[in-house]
Amino acid sequence: MHKIREQFINALRQQFPDIGLAYSIGGQISFDVFPIGWNKTYCLQFLTQYEEIHFFGDKTFPGGNDHEIYEAIKNISEKQAHTVKNPEETIGILKELFIDKALPQ
């Protein structure tokens, strides 16, 4: 509506352009500030033993706090990166992926 968080993030970027921080839209009312490279993709270096990783996020758009990891997982397999609106949608996808496939037909 008023895009207050986006405006605030843009002001932070302009005010502090060279201190090595990244900014993104967080949950419903928050924004995130973190060292460059310490977004959600940071965890992937610790998950190399897994053949398949699924990611579910609601802020997968550019500037959202799920964007970088969504894109990283999508580059591995588009079928493993999921944009969702709510927990019920996540449960539905999980059911399709894991429960329905495991049940005898």
N, C-alpha and C. Protein backbone atom coordinates (compact mmCIF):
# COMPACT_ATOMS: atom_id res chain seq x y z
N MET A 1 0.80 -1.17 0.00
CA MET A 1 0.00 0.00 0.00
C MET A 1 0.86 1.26 0.00
N HIS A 2 1.47 1.57 1.15
CA HIS A 2 2.33 2.75 1.23
C HIS A 2 3.78 2.42 0.96
N LYS A 3 4.11 1.13 0.97
CA LYS A 3 5.47 0.66 0.69
C LYS A 3 6.50 1.31 1.64
N ILE A 4 6.13 1.42 2.90
CA ILE A 4 6.99 2.06 3.89
C ILE A 4 8.30 1.28 4.06
N ARG A 5 8.20 -0.06 4.14
CA ARG A 5 9.43 -0.85 4.33
C ARG A 5 10.36 -0.70 3.14
N GLU A 6 9.80 -0.74 1.93
CA GLU A 6 10.63 -0.58 0.73
C GLU A 6 11.33 0.78 0.73
N GLN A 7 10.59 1.82 1.09
CA GLN A 7 11.17 3.16 1.14
C GLN A 7 12.27 3.24 2.21
N PHE A 8 12.03 2.61 3.35
CA PHE A 8 13.03 2.63 4.42
C PHE A 8 14.30 1.89 4.00
N ILE A 9 14.12 0.73 3.36
CA ILE A 9 15.28 -0.03 2.88
C ILE A 9 16.06 0.78 1.85
N ASN A 10 15.37 1.43 0.95
CA ASN A 10 16.06 2.27 -0.04
C ASN A 10 16.83 3.40 0.63
N ALA A 11 16.26 3.98 1.67
CA ALA A 11 16.95 5.04 2.41
C ALA A 11 18.20 4.49 3.10
N LEU A 12 18.11 3.29 3.68
CA LEU A 12 19.27 2.67 4.31
C LEU A 12 20.37 2.40 3.29
N ARG A 13 19.99 1.88 2.13
CA ARG A 13 20.98 1.61 1.07
C ARG A 13 21.70 2.89 0.65
N GLN A 14 20.95 3.97 0.54
CA GLN A 14 21.55 5.24 0.12
C GLN A 14 22.44 5.82 1.23
N GLN A 15 22.00 5.70 2.47
CA GLN A 15 22.73 6.27 3.59
C GLN A 15 24.01 5.48 3.91
N PHE A 16 23.93 4.15 3.73
CA PHE A 16 25.06 3.28 4.09
C PHE A 16 25.43 2.36 2.91
N PRO A 17 25.92 2.94 1.83
CA PRO A 17 26.16 2.14 0.63
C PRO A 17 27.38 1.22 0.68
N ASP A 18 28.30 1.46 1.60
CA ASP A 18 29.58 0.75 1.54
C ASP A 18 29.98 0.10 2.86
N ILE A 19 29.01 -0.35 3.64
CA ILE A 19 29.37 -0.99 4.91
C ILE A 19 29.13 -2.50 4.89
N GLY A 20 28.85 -3.06 3.71
CA GLY A 20 28.76 -4.51 3.58
C GLY A 20 27.50 -5.14 4.13
N LEU A 21 26.39 -4.40 4.10
CA LEU A 21 25.13 -4.95 4.57
C LEU A 21 24.14 -5.12 3.44
N ALA A 22 23.29 -6.12 3.57
CA ALA A 22 22.20 -6.36 2.62
C ALA A 22 20.88 -6.15 3.36
N TYR A 23 19.86 -5.79 2.62
CA TYR A 23 18.56 -5.48 3.20
C TYR A 23 17.49 -6.22 2.41
N SER A 24 16.45 -6.70 3.11
CA SER A 24 15.35 -7.35 2.41
C SER A 24 14.07 -7.20 3.22
N ILE A 25 12.96 -7.40 2.53
CA ILE A 25 11.65 -7.39 3.17
C ILE A 25 11.50 -8.70 3.92
N GLY A 26 11.15 -8.61 5.19
CA GLY A 26 11.02 -9.80 6.03
C GLY A 26 9.59 -10.30 6.08
N GLY A 27 9.11 -10.58 7.25
CA GLY A 27 7.76 -11.13 7.44
C GLY A 27 6.68 -10.12 7.09
N GLN A 28 5.63 -10.12 7.89
CA GLN A 28 4.50 -9.23 7.60
C GLN A 28 4.80 -7.77 7.86
N ILE A 29 5.62 -7.48 8.86
CA ILE A 29 5.87 -6.08 9.21
C ILE A 29 7.36 -5.76 9.35
N SER A 30 8.23 -6.71 9.03
CA SER A 30 9.65 -6.51 9.31
C SER A 30 10.47 -6.32 8.04
N PHE A 31 11.70 -5.93 8.25
CA PHE A 31 12.71 -5.96 7.20
C PHE A 31 13.96 -6.55 7.83
N ASP A 32 14.83 -7.13 7.01
CA ASP A 32 16.02 -7.81 7.49
C ASP A 32 17.26 -7.02 7.07
N VAL A 33 18.23 -6.97 7.96
CA VAL A 33 19.54 -6.37 7.69
C VAL A 33 20.58 -7.39 8.13
N PHE A 34 21.51 -7.72 7.21
CA PHE A 34 22.49 -8.76 7.52
C PHE A 34 23.73 -8.54 6.66
N PRO A 35 24.87 -9.09 7.08
CA PRO A 35 26.09 -8.97 6.27
C PRO A 35 25.88 -9.61 4.89
N ILE A 36 26.43 -9.00 3.88
CA ILE A 36 26.32 -9.55 2.52
C ILE A 36 26.83 -10.99 2.53
N GLY A 37 26.06 -11.88 1.93
CA GLY A 37 26.41 -13.29 1.87
C GLY A 37 25.82 -14.11 3.01
N TRP A 38 25.21 -13.45 3.97
CA TRP A 38 24.63 -14.15 5.11
C TRP A 38 23.11 -14.23 5.00
N ASN A 39 22.60 -14.30 3.78
CA ASN A 39 21.17 -14.50 3.60
C ASN A 39 20.86 -15.98 3.82
N LYS A 40 19.68 -16.40 3.47
CA LYS A 40 19.26 -17.78 3.74
C LYS A 40 20.07 -18.82 2.95
N THR A 41 20.77 -18.41 1.91
CA THR A 41 21.59 -19.37 1.16
C THR A 41 22.80 -19.84 1.97
N TYR A 42 23.14 -19.13 3.01
CA TYR A 42 24.29 -19.48 3.84
C TYR A 42 24.19 -20.92 4.33
N CYS A 43 23.00 -21.38 4.64
CA CYS A 43 22.82 -22.73 5.19
C CYS A 43 23.14 -23.83 4.18
N LEU A 44 23.08 -23.52 2.89
CA LEU A 44 23.26 -24.57 1.88
C LEU A 44 24.64 -25.22 1.94
N GLN A 45 25.63 -24.50 2.39
CA GLN A 45 26.98 -25.07 2.50
C GLN A 45 27.03 -26.21 3.52
N PHE A 46 26.07 -26.26 4.42
CA PHE A 46 26.03 -27.30 5.44
C PHE A 46 25.10 -28.46 5.07
N LEU A 47 24.47 -28.39 3.91
CA LEU A 47 23.49 -29.39 3.51
C LEU A 47 23.92 -30.18 2.28
N THR A 48 25.19 -30.26 2.04
CA THR A 48 25.70 -30.89 0.82
C THR A 48 25.46 -32.40 0.76
N GLN A 49 25.20 -33.04 1.89
CA GLN A 49 25.00 -34.48 1.89
C GLN A 49 23.61 -34.88 1.42
N TYR A 50 22.71 -33.91 1.23
CA TYR A 50 21.35 -34.22 0.82
C TYR A 50 21.20 -34.14 -0.69
N GLU A 51 20.54 -35.15 -1.25
CA GLU A 51 20.31 -35.17 -2.70
C GLU A 51 19.19 -34.23 -3.12
N GLU A 52 18.26 -34.01 -2.22
CA GLU A 52 17.08 -33.22 -2.56
C GLU A 52 16.75 -32.27 -1.41
N ILE A 53 16.61 -31.00 -1.72
CA ILE A 53 16.23 -29.99 -0.74
C ILE A 53 15.05 -29.21 -1.33
N HIS A 54 13.98 -29.12 -0.58
CA HIS A 54 12.83 -28.32 -0.99
C HIS A 54 12.79 -27.05 -0.16
N PHE A 55 12.49 -25.94 -0.80
CA PHE A 55 12.34 -24.68 -0.09
C PHE A 55 10.95 -24.12 -0.32
N PHE A 56 10.34 -23.64 0.76
CA PHE A 56 9.02 -23.02 0.72
C PHE A 56 9.15 -21.62 1.28
N GLY A 57 8.72 -20.63 0.53
CA GLY A 57 8.81 -19.25 1.02
C GLY A 57 7.71 -18.39 0.44
N ASP A 58 7.38 -17.34 1.17
CA ASP A 58 6.35 -16.42 0.68
C ASP A 58 6.93 -15.12 0.13
N LYS A 59 8.16 -14.83 0.44
CA LYS A 59 8.79 -13.59 -0.03
C LYS A 59 9.90 -13.93 -1.04
N THR A 60 9.51 -14.63 -2.12
CA THR A 60 10.48 -15.10 -3.11
C THR A 60 10.76 -14.08 -4.21
N PHE A 61 10.10 -12.95 -4.17
CA PHE A 61 10.28 -11.90 -5.17
C PHE A 61 11.60 -11.16 -4.92
N PRO A 62 12.17 -10.51 -5.94
CA PRO A 62 13.39 -9.73 -5.73
C PRO A 62 13.18 -8.71 -4.60
N GLY A 63 14.10 -8.72 -3.64
CA GLY A 63 13.99 -7.84 -2.49
C GLY A 63 13.35 -8.51 -1.28
N GLY A 64 12.72 -9.67 -1.49
CA GLY A 64 12.14 -10.41 -0.37
C GLY A 64 13.20 -11.26 0.31
N ASN A 65 12.99 -11.59 1.58
CA ASN A 65 14.02 -12.31 2.31
C ASN A 65 14.13 -13.79 1.93
N ASP A 66 13.25 -14.28 1.08
CA ASP A 66 13.35 -15.65 0.58
C ASP A 66 13.92 -15.72 -0.84
N HIS A 67 14.13 -14.58 -1.45
CA HIS A 67 14.48 -14.55 -2.88
C HIS A 67 15.77 -15.31 -3.21
N GLU A 68 16.85 -15.04 -2.50
CA GLU A 68 18.14 -15.65 -2.86
C GLU A 68 18.12 -17.17 -2.72
N ILE A 69 17.56 -17.67 -1.65
CA ILE A 69 17.54 -19.12 -1.48
C ILE A 69 16.54 -19.76 -2.44
N TYR A 70 15.44 -19.10 -2.69
CA TYR A 70 14.49 -19.60 -3.68
C TYR A 70 15.16 -19.76 -5.04
N GLU A 71 15.89 -18.75 -5.46
CA GLU A 71 16.59 -18.80 -6.75
C GLU A 71 17.68 -19.87 -6.75
N ALA A 72 18.41 -20.01 -5.64
CA ALA A 72 19.47 -21.02 -5.56
C ALA A 72 18.88 -22.43 -5.68
N ILE A 73 17.79 -22.69 -4.98
CA ILE A 73 17.15 -24.01 -5.06
C ILE A 73 16.53 -24.21 -6.44
N LYS A 74 15.93 -23.17 -6.98
CA LYS A 74 15.31 -23.24 -8.31
C LYS A 74 16.35 -23.57 -9.38
N ASN A 75 17.59 -23.08 -9.20
CA ASN A 75 18.67 -23.41 -10.15
C ASN A 75 19.05 -24.88 -10.08
N ILE A 76 18.86 -25.50 -8.93
CA ILE A 76 19.10 -26.94 -8.79
C ILE A 76 17.96 -27.70 -9.45
N SER A 77 16.74 -27.33 -9.10
CA SER A 77 15.55 -27.97 -9.66
C SER A 77 14.35 -27.07 -9.42
N GLU A 78 13.68 -26.66 -10.50
CA GLU A 78 12.50 -25.82 -10.36
C GLU A 78 11.41 -26.49 -9.53
N LYS A 79 11.40 -27.81 -9.52
CA LYS A 79 10.37 -28.54 -8.77
C LYS A 79 10.62 -28.56 -7.27
N GLN A 80 11.74 -28.01 -6.83
CA GLN A 80 12.09 -28.01 -5.41
C GLN A 80 11.99 -26.63 -4.78
N ALA A 81 11.67 -25.62 -5.57
CA ALA A 81 11.51 -24.25 -5.07
C ALA A 81 10.04 -23.89 -5.14
N HIS A 82 9.46 -23.54 -4.00
CA HIS A 82 8.02 -23.34 -3.92
C HIS A 82 7.69 -21.97 -3.33
N THR A 83 6.90 -21.19 -4.05
CA THR A 83 6.35 -19.96 -3.50
C THR A 83 4.98 -20.29 -2.95
N VAL A 84 4.77 -19.96 -1.69
CA VAL A 84 3.50 -20.27 -1.03
C VAL A 84 2.93 -19.01 -0.39
N LYS A 85 1.62 -19.04 -0.16
CA LYS A 85 0.94 -17.90 0.45
C LYS A 85 0.69 -18.10 1.93
N ASN A 86 0.60 -19.36 2.36
CA ASN A 86 0.21 -19.63 3.75
C ASN A 86 0.61 -21.06 4.13
N PRO A 87 0.52 -21.40 5.40
CA PRO A 87 0.90 -22.74 5.85
C PRO A 87 0.05 -23.85 5.21
N GLU A 88 -1.20 -23.56 4.96
CA GLU A 88 -2.07 -24.58 4.35
C GLU A 88 -1.60 -24.95 2.94
N GLU A 89 -1.14 -23.97 2.20
CA GLU A 89 -0.60 -24.25 0.86
C GLU A 89 0.67 -25.09 0.96
N THR A 90 1.51 -24.79 1.94
CA THR A 90 2.72 -25.58 2.17
C THR A 90 2.35 -27.03 2.49
N ILE A 91 1.39 -27.22 3.37
CA ILE A 91 0.96 -28.57 3.74
C ILE A 91 0.43 -29.32 2.52
N GLY A 92 -0.33 -28.64 1.68
CA GLY A 92 -0.85 -29.28 0.47
C GLY A 92 0.26 -29.75 -0.46
N ILE A 93 1.27 -28.94 -0.65
CA ILE A 93 2.39 -29.33 -1.52
C ILE A 93 3.17 -30.47 -0.90
N LEU A 94 3.42 -30.39 0.40
CA LEU A 94 4.13 -31.49 1.09
C LEU A 94 3.36 -32.80 0.97
N LYS A 95 2.05 -32.71 1.10
CA LYS A 95 1.21 -33.90 0.96
C LYS A 95 1.37 -34.50 -0.44
N GLU A 96 1.29 -33.67 -1.45
CA GLU A 96 1.46 -34.14 -2.84
C GLU A 96 2.83 -34.76 -3.05
N LEU A 97 3.87 -34.11 -2.53
CA LEU A 97 5.24 -34.55 -2.77
C LEU A 97 5.60 -35.84 -2.04
N PHE A 98 5.15 -35.96 -0.81
CA PHE A 98 5.67 -37.04 0.02
C PHE A 98 4.63 -38.06 0.48
N ILE A 99 3.46 -37.63 0.82
CA ILE A 99 2.47 -38.57 1.35
C ILE A 99 1.74 -39.28 0.22
N ASP A 100 1.22 -38.52 -0.74
CA ASP A 100 0.48 -39.15 -1.84
C ASP A 100 1.35 -40.11 -2.64
N LYS A 101 2.62 -39.79 -2.83
CA LYS A 101 3.54 -40.67 -3.57
C LYS A 101 3.84 -41.95 -2.79
N ALA A 102 3.80 -41.87 -1.47
CA ALA A 102 4.15 -43.03 -0.65
C ALA A 102 2.97 -44.00 -0.48
N LEU A 103 1.77 -43.53 -0.68
CA LEU A 103 0.59 -44.37 -0.49
C LEU A 103 0.38 -45.29 -1.69
N PRO A 104 -0.02 -46.52 -1.47
CA PRO A 104 -0.31 -47.41 -2.60
C PRO A 104 -1.52 -46.90 -3.36
N GLN A 105 -1.47 -47.05 -4.65
CA GLN A 105 -2.57 -46.57 -5.51
C GLN A 105 -3.69 -47.54 -5.57
